[in-house]
């Protein structure tokens, strides 16, 4: 269970960090190559987590997955 949650959380964080990179690249009028790779990696991790968990992840369960992952590594 935690491995799917971890994949989901890492994927969401990578996607979140790619957004400023996309805007920065577009503002400087250069192709967002690194951001594109980050979007592919983050999206792949999210799809992998979704496909491995029976029933997938409903939207209301995503914050709970973050809490489970953080709680696991804080303990």
C-alpha atoms as a PDB file:
ATOM      1  CA  UNK A   1       0.000   0.000   0.000  1.00  0.00           C
ATOM      2  CA  UNK A   2       2.732   2.458   0.914  1.00  0.00           C
ATOM      3  CA  UNK A   3       4.670   1.854  -2.291  1.00  0.00           C
ATOM      4  CA  UNK A   4       1.711   2.978  -4.424  1.00  0.00           C
ATOM      5  CA  UNK A   5       1.201   5.974  -2.147  1.00  0.00           C
ATOM      6  CA  UNK A   6       4.881   6.844  -2.396  1.00  0.00           C
ATOM      7  CA  UNK A   7       4.801   6.643  -6.198  1.00  0.00           C
ATOM      8  CA  UNK A   8       1.727   8.871  -6.256  1.00  0.00           C
ATOM      9  CA  UNK A   9       3.218  11.469  -3.907  1.00  0.00           C
ATOM     10  CA  UNK A  10       6.567  11.605  -5.719  1.00  0.00           C
ATOM     11  CA  UNK A  11       4.766  11.911  -9.059  1.00  0.00           C
ATOM     12  CA  UNK A  12       2.611  14.787  -7.832  1.00  0.00           C
ATOM     13  CA  UNK A  13       5.611  16.589  -6.329  1.00  0.00           C
ATOM     14  CA  UNK A  14       7.630  16.202  -9.546  1.00  0.00           C
ATOM     15  CA  UNK A  15       4.693  17.538 -11.560  1.00  0.00           C
ATOM     16  CA  UNK A  16       4.350  20.433  -9.130  1.00  0.00           C
ATOM     17  CA  UNK A  17       8.009  21.363  -9.509  1.00  0.00           C
ATOM     18  CA  UNK A  18       7.782  21.193 -13.285  1.00  0.00           C
ATOM     19  CA  UNK A  19       5.176  23.960 -13.499  1.00  0.00           C
ATOM     20  CA  UNK A  20       7.533  26.847 -12.549  1.00  0.00           C
ATOM     21  CA  UNK A  21      10.161  25.372 -14.856  1.00  0.00           C
ATOM     22  CA  UNK A  22       7.690  25.420 -17.750  1.00  0.00           C
ATOM     23  CA  UNK A  23       6.745  29.034 -17.111  1.00  0.00           C
ATOM     24  CA  UNK A  24      10.387  30.058 -16.703  1.00  0.00           C
ATOM     25  CA  UNK A  25      11.371  28.456 -19.974  1.00  0.00           C
ATOM     26  CA  UNK A  26       8.456  30.021 -21.821  1.00  0.00           C
ATOM     27  CA  UNK A  27       9.180  33.449 -20.324  1.00  0.00           C
ATOM     28  CA  UNK A  28      12.778  33.231 -21.531  1.00  0.00           C
ATOM     29  CA  UNK A  29      11.579  32.039 -24.957  1.00  0.00           C
ATOM     30  CA  UNK A  30      13.427  28.734 -24.816  1.00  0.00           C
ATOM     31  CA  UNK A  31      12.036  25.219 -25.179  1.00  0.00           C
ATOM     32  CA  UNK A  32      11.024  23.637 -21.842  1.00  0.00           C
ATOM     33  CA  UNK A  33      13.083  20.462 -22.291  1.00  0.00           C
ATOM     34  CA  UNK A  34      13.787  19.684 -18.627  1.00  0.00           C
ATOM     35  CA  UNK A  35      10.220  20.513 -17.668  1.00  0.00           C
ATOM     36  CA  UNK A  36       8.917  18.181 -20.361  1.00  0.00           C
ATOM     37  CA  UNK A  37      11.013  15.341 -18.988  1.00  0.00           C
ATOM     38  CA  UNK A  38       9.782  16.118 -15.470  1.00  0.00           C
ATOM     39  CA  UNK A  39       6.166  16.040 -16.665  1.00  0.00           C
ATOM     40  CA  UNK A  40       6.757  12.662 -18.308  1.00  0.00           C
ATOM     41  CA  UNK A  41       8.397  11.229 -15.181  1.00  0.00           C
ATOM     42  CA  UNK A  42       5.739  12.618 -12.838  1.00  0.00           C
ATOM     43  CA  UNK A  43       2.891  11.483 -15.052  1.00  0.00           C
ATOM     44  CA  UNK A  44       4.393   8.020 -15.397  1.00  0.00           C
ATOM     45  CA  UNK A  45       4.754   7.672 -11.625  1.00  0.00           C
ATOM     46  CA  UNK A  46       1.151   8.752 -11.085  1.00  0.00           C
ATOM     47  CA  UNK A  47      -0.164   6.347 -13.727  1.00  0.00           C
ATOM     48  CA  UNK A  48       1.943   3.537 -12.282  1.00  0.00           C
ATOM     49  CA  UNK A  49       0.582   4.164  -8.788  1.00  0.00           C
ATOM     50  CA  UNK A  50      -2.971   4.382 -10.105  1.00  0.00           C
ATOM     51  CA  UNK A  51      -2.665   1.150 -12.054  1.00  0.00           C
ATOM     52  CA  UNK A  52      -1.097  -0.800  -9.179  1.00  0.00           C
ATOM     53  CA  UNK A  53      -3.707   0.103  -6.584  1.00  0.00           C
ATOM     54  CA  UNK A  54      -6.915  -1.943  -6.853  1.00  0.00           C
ATOM     55  CA  UNK A  55      -9.736   0.460  -7.607  1.00  0.00           C
ATOM     56  CA  UNK A  56      -7.342   3.344  -8.274  1.00  0.00           C
ATOM     57  CA  UNK A  57      -7.208   6.585  -6.319  1.00  0.00           C
ATOM     58  CA  UNK A  58     -10.388   8.571  -5.844  1.00  0.00           C
ATOM     59  CA  UNK A  59      -9.750  12.307  -5.570  1.00  0.00           C
ATOM     60  CA  UNK A  60     -10.627  12.393  -1.862  1.00  0.00           C
ATOM     61  CA  UNK A  61      -7.948   9.782  -1.107  1.00  0.00           C
ATOM     62  CA  UNK A  62      -4.981  11.737  -2.486  1.00  0.00           C
ATOM     63  CA  UNK A  63      -4.499  13.952   0.626  1.00  0.00           C
ATOM     64  CA  UNK A  64      -4.693  10.807   2.770  1.00  0.00           C
ATOM     65  CA  UNK A  65      -1.903   9.272   0.679  1.00  0.00           C
ATOM     66  CA  UNK A  66       0.275  12.328   1.361  1.00  0.00           C
ATOM     67  CA  UNK A  67      -0.411  12.012   5.079  1.00  0.00           C
ATOM     68  CA  UNK A  68       0.389   8.286   5.095  1.00  0.00           C
ATOM     69  CA  UNK A  69       3.702   8.818   3.313  1.00  0.00           C
ATOM     70  CA  UNK A  70       4.773  11.733   5.504  1.00  0.00           C
ATOM     71  CA  UNK A  71       3.703   9.919   8.681  1.00  0.00           C
ATOM     72  CA  UNK A  72       5.627   6.814   7.646  1.00  0.00           C
ATOM     73  CA  UNK A  73       8.892   8.727   7.211  1.00  0.00           C
ATOM     74  CA  UNK A  74       8.465  10.978  10.245  1.00  0.00           C
ATOM     75  CA  UNK A  75       7.945   8.061  12.667  1.00  0.00           C
END
